[in-house]
Amino acid sequence: MKAKKREIFFLKYLPLSIVYVIIIVLSFQMINRSGNNDFTSYVLSSKALLKHTNPYETGSPFPYIYPLTLAFILLPFSYFPPTYLQIAWFFLTFSSSIKYLNLFSSFRKKKLINQYTGLA
């Protein structure tokens, strides 16, 4: 009986584990190309505010197209090295996705998702 439970557990969580491994690998590749992602654009724009230059023209491959509110919020983080910020951003994103999946799972158990969306 224990072997059957292990098999069910393995089959249930294997796809999710594979997805998370892929996310981790892609995220570390993103960290290694620190100048070429959108998070770098956010930080460069906040650094531009500190230098009193245009935050919308930082020379980043990803132009900053958001309101200045985000750049002001990120001002304290502009003093840290970009690699540390990217690692923190990765863990924040990763933990948020885990929290979302747990929340989604609890809604499915309570049948709230099925009631409002028709999902089985």
C-alpha atoms as a PDB file:
ATOM      1  CA  MET A   1       0.000   0.000   0.000  1.00  0.00           C
ATOM      2  CA  LYS A   2       2.859   2.403   0.780  1.00  0.00           C
ATOM      3  CA  ALA A   3       4.363   1.766  -2.642  1.00  0.00           C
ATOM      4  CA  LYS A   4       1.083   2.756  -4.287  1.00  0.00           C
ATOM      5  CA  LYS A   5       0.945   6.016  -2.291  1.00  0.00           C
ATOM      6  CA  ARG A   6       4.525   6.812  -3.248  1.00  0.00           C
ATOM      7  CA  GLU A   7       3.746   6.159  -6.892  1.00  0.00           C
ATOM      8  CA  ILE A   8       0.705   8.446  -6.784  1.00  0.00           C
ATOM      9  CA  PHE A   9       2.712  11.152  -5.007  1.00  0.00           C
ATOM     10  CA  PHE A  10       5.513  10.843  -7.575  1.00  0.00           C
ATOM     11  CA  LEU A  11       3.145  11.021 -10.548  1.00  0.00           C
ATOM     12  CA  LYS A  12       1.255  13.920  -9.019  1.00  0.00           C
ATOM     13  CA  TYR A  13       4.275  16.117  -8.347  1.00  0.00           C
ATOM     14  CA  LEU A  14       6.671  15.091 -11.117  1.00  0.00           C
ATOM     15  CA  PRO A  15       5.308  17.531 -13.738  1.00  0.00           C
ATOM     16  CA  LEU A  16       5.391  20.394 -11.249  1.00  0.00           C
ATOM     17  CA  SER A  17       8.940  19.505 -10.251  1.00  0.00           C
ATOM     18  CA  ILE A  18      10.050  19.478 -13.881  1.00  0.00           C
ATOM     19  CA  VAL A  19       8.491  22.906 -14.444  1.00  0.00           C
ATOM     20  CA  TYR A  20      10.275  24.337 -11.411  1.00  0.00           C
ATOM     21  CA  VAL A  21      13.623  22.908 -12.489  1.00  0.00           C
ATOM     22  CA  ILE A  22      13.161  24.549 -15.890  1.00  0.00           C
ATOM     23  CA  ILE A  23      12.246  27.852 -14.198  1.00  0.00           C
ATOM     24  CA  ILE A  24      15.341  27.677 -12.004  1.00  0.00           C
ATOM     25  CA  VAL A  25      17.650  26.956 -14.961  1.00  0.00           C
ATOM     26  CA  LEU A  26      16.154  29.771 -17.032  1.00  0.00           C
ATOM     27  CA  SER A  27      16.333  32.178 -14.112  1.00  0.00           C
ATOM     28  CA  PHE A  28      20.011  31.513 -13.532  1.00  0.00           C
ATOM     29  CA  GLN A  29      20.632  32.066 -17.233  1.00  0.00           C
ATOM     30  CA  MET A  30      18.789  35.374 -16.872  1.00  0.00           C
ATOM     31  CA  ILE A  31      21.020  36.349 -13.955  1.00  0.00           C
ATOM     32  CA  ASN A  32      24.113  35.642 -16.057  1.00  0.00           C
ATOM     33  CA  ARG A  33      22.927  38.032 -18.761  1.00  0.00           C
ATOM     34  CA  SER A  34      22.216  40.776 -16.264  1.00  0.00           C
ATOM     35  CA  GLY A  35      22.208  43.634 -18.774  1.00  0.00           C
ATOM     36  CA  ASN A  36      19.581  42.128 -21.015  1.00  0.00           C
ATOM     37  CA  ASN A  37      16.344  41.769 -19.100  1.00  0.00           C
ATOM     38  CA  ASP A  38      13.496  43.970 -17.988  1.00  0.00           C
ATOM     39  CA  PHE A  39      14.432  44.012 -14.298  1.00  0.00           C
ATOM     40  CA  THR A  40      17.738  45.658 -15.178  1.00  0.00           C
ATOM     41  CA  SER A  41      15.747  48.327 -16.980  1.00  0.00           C
ATOM     42  CA  TYR A  42      13.816  49.073 -13.774  1.00  0.00           C
ATOM     43  CA  VAL A  43      17.002  49.470 -11.741  1.00  0.00           C
ATOM     44  CA  LEU A  44      18.751  51.535 -14.432  1.00  0.00           C
ATOM     45  CA  SER A  45      15.799  53.917 -14.483  1.00  0.00           C
ATOM     46  CA  SER A  46      15.939  54.400 -10.724  1.00  0.00           C
ATOM     47  CA  LYS A  47      19.701  55.036 -10.980  1.00  0.00           C
ATOM     48  CA  ALA A  48      18.983  57.598 -13.699  1.00  0.00           C
ATOM     49  CA  LEU A  49      16.668  59.404 -11.293  1.00  0.00           C
ATOM     50  CA  LEU A  50      19.515  59.620  -8.785  1.00  0.00           C
ATOM     51  CA  LYS A  51      21.764  61.147 -11.460  1.00  0.00           C
ATOM     52  CA  HIS A  52      19.010  63.584 -12.534  1.00  0.00           C
ATOM     53  CA  THR A  53      18.911  62.141 -16.057  1.00  0.00           C
ATOM     54  CA  ASN A  54      16.032  60.834 -18.144  1.00  0.00           C
ATOM     55  CA  PRO A  55      14.877  57.465 -16.733  1.00  0.00           C
ATOM     56  CA  TYR A  56      13.159  56.624 -20.006  1.00  0.00           C
ATOM     57  CA  GLU A  57      16.419  56.703 -21.991  1.00  0.00           C
ATOM     58  CA  THR A  58      18.951  54.540 -20.195  1.00  0.00           C
ATOM     59  CA  GLY A  59      20.328  52.664 -23.185  1.00  0.00           C
ATOM     60  CA  SER A  60      18.841  49.387 -21.976  1.00  0.00           C
ATOM     61  CA  PRO A  61      17.632  46.918 -24.629  1.00  0.00           C
ATOM     62  CA  PHE A  62      14.330  46.914 -22.727  1.00  0.00           C
ATOM     63  CA  PRO A  63      13.017  50.475 -22.616  1.00  0.00           C
ATOM     64  CA  TYR A  64      11.440  51.687 -19.398  1.00  0.00           C
ATOM     65  CA  ILE A  65       7.823  52.437 -20.329  1.00  0.00           C
ATOM     66  CA  TYR A  66       6.218  52.518 -16.896  1.00  0.00           C
ATOM     67  CA  PRO A  67       5.168  55.397 -14.646  1.00  0.00           C
ATOM     68  CA  LEU A  68       7.925  56.866 -12.505  1.00  0.00           C
ATOM     69  CA  THR A  69       6.324  55.407  -9.378  1.00  0.00           C
ATOM     70  CA  LEU A  70       8.156  52.117  -9.875  1.00  0.00           C
ATOM     71  CA  ALA A  71      11.475  53.896 -10.364  1.00  0.00           C
ATOM     72  CA  PHE A  72      10.947  55.809  -7.111  1.00  0.00           C
ATOM     73  CA  ILE A  73      10.014  52.612  -5.267  1.00  0.00           C
ATOM     74  CA  LEU A  74      13.221  50.962  -6.489  1.00  0.00           C
ATOM     75  CA  LEU A  75      15.487  53.878  -5.485  1.00  0.00           C
ATOM     76  CA  PRO A  76      16.740  52.195  -2.266  1.00  0.00           C
ATOM     77  CA  PHE A  77      17.611  49.072  -4.229  1.00  0.00           C
ATOM     78  CA  SER A  78      19.706  50.930  -6.796  1.00  0.00           C
ATOM     79  CA  TYR A  79      22.636  50.982  -4.349  1.00  0.00           C
ATOM     80  CA  PHE A  80      23.005  47.190  -4.402  1.00  0.00           C
ATOM     81  CA  PRO A  81      24.957  45.244  -7.039  1.00  0.00           C
ATOM     82  CA  PRO A  82      22.725  44.108  -9.917  1.00  0.00           C
ATOM     83  CA  THR A  83      23.553  40.424  -9.432  1.00  0.00           C
ATOM     84  CA  TYR A  84      22.260  40.446  -5.848  1.00  0.00           C
ATOM     85  CA  LEU A  85      19.117  42.239  -6.932  1.00  0.00           C
ATOM     86  CA  GLN A  86      18.484  39.709  -9.672  1.00  0.00           C
ATOM     87  CA  ILE A  87      18.883  36.806  -7.255  1.00  0.00           C
ATOM     88  CA  ALA A  88      16.444  38.473  -4.843  1.00  0.00           C
ATOM     89  CA  TRP A  89      14.036  39.127  -7.738  1.00  0.00           C
ATOM     90  CA  PHE A  90      14.251  35.468  -8.744  1.00  0.00           C
ATOM     91  CA  PHE A  91      13.461  34.211  -5.237  1.00  0.00           C
ATOM     92  CA  LEU A  92      10.608  36.680  -4.883  1.00  0.00           C
ATOM     93  CA  THR A  93       9.141  35.539  -8.191  1.00  0.00           C
ATOM     94  CA  PHE A  94       9.679  31.872  -7.382  1.00  0.00           C
ATOM     95  CA  SER A  95       8.116  32.099  -3.918  1.00  0.00           C
ATOM     96  CA  SER A  96       5.180  34.067  -5.321  1.00  0.00           C
ATOM     97  CA  SER A  97       4.510  31.366  -7.888  1.00  0.00           C
ATOM     98  CA  ILE A  98       4.592  28.680  -5.189  1.00  0.00           C
ATOM     99  CA  LYS A  99       2.167  30.725  -3.071  1.00  0.00           C
ATOM    100  CA  TYR A 100      -0.116  31.149  -6.086  1.00  0.00           C
ATOM    101  CA  LEU A 101      -0.118  27.422  -6.801  1.00  0.00           C
ATOM    102  CA  ASN A 102      -0.917  26.646  -3.162  1.00  0.00           C
ATOM    103  CA  LEU A 103      -3.750  29.160  -3.195  1.00  0.00           C
ATOM    104  CA  PHE A 104      -5.097  27.763  -6.462  1.00  0.00           C
ATOM    105  CA  SER A 105      -4.894  24.238  -5.054  1.00  0.00           C
ATOM    106  CA  SER A 106      -6.788  25.200  -1.899  1.00  0.00           C
ATOM    107  CA  PHE A 107      -9.490  26.883  -3.987  1.00  0.00           C
ATOM    108  CA  ARG A 108      -9.869  23.743  -6.074  1.00  0.00           C
ATOM    109  CA  LYS A 109     -10.208  21.650  -2.933  1.00  0.00           C
ATOM    110  CA  LYS A 110     -12.953  23.937  -1.678  1.00  0.00           C
ATOM    111  CA  LYS A 111     -14.659  23.778  -5.078  1.00  0.00           C
ATOM    112  CA  LEU A 112     -14.605  27.579  -5.350  1.00  0.00           C
ATOM    113  CA  ILE A 113     -12.881  27.483  -8.724  1.00  0.00           C
ATOM    114  CA  ASN A 114     -15.364  24.956 -10.072  1.00  0.00           C
ATOM    115  CA  GLN A 115     -18.325  26.987  -8.890  1.00  0.00           C
ATOM    116  CA  TYR A 116     -17.281  30.226 -10.594  1.00  0.00           C
ATOM    117  CA  THR A 117     -15.383  29.056 -13.656  1.00  0.00           C
ATOM    118  CA  GLY A 118     -16.894  25.696 -14.498  1.00  0.00           C
ATOM    119  CA  LEU A 119     -13.507  23.953 -14.264  1.00  0.00           C
ATOM    120  CA  ALA A 120     -13.761  20.315 -13.269  1.00  0.00           C
END
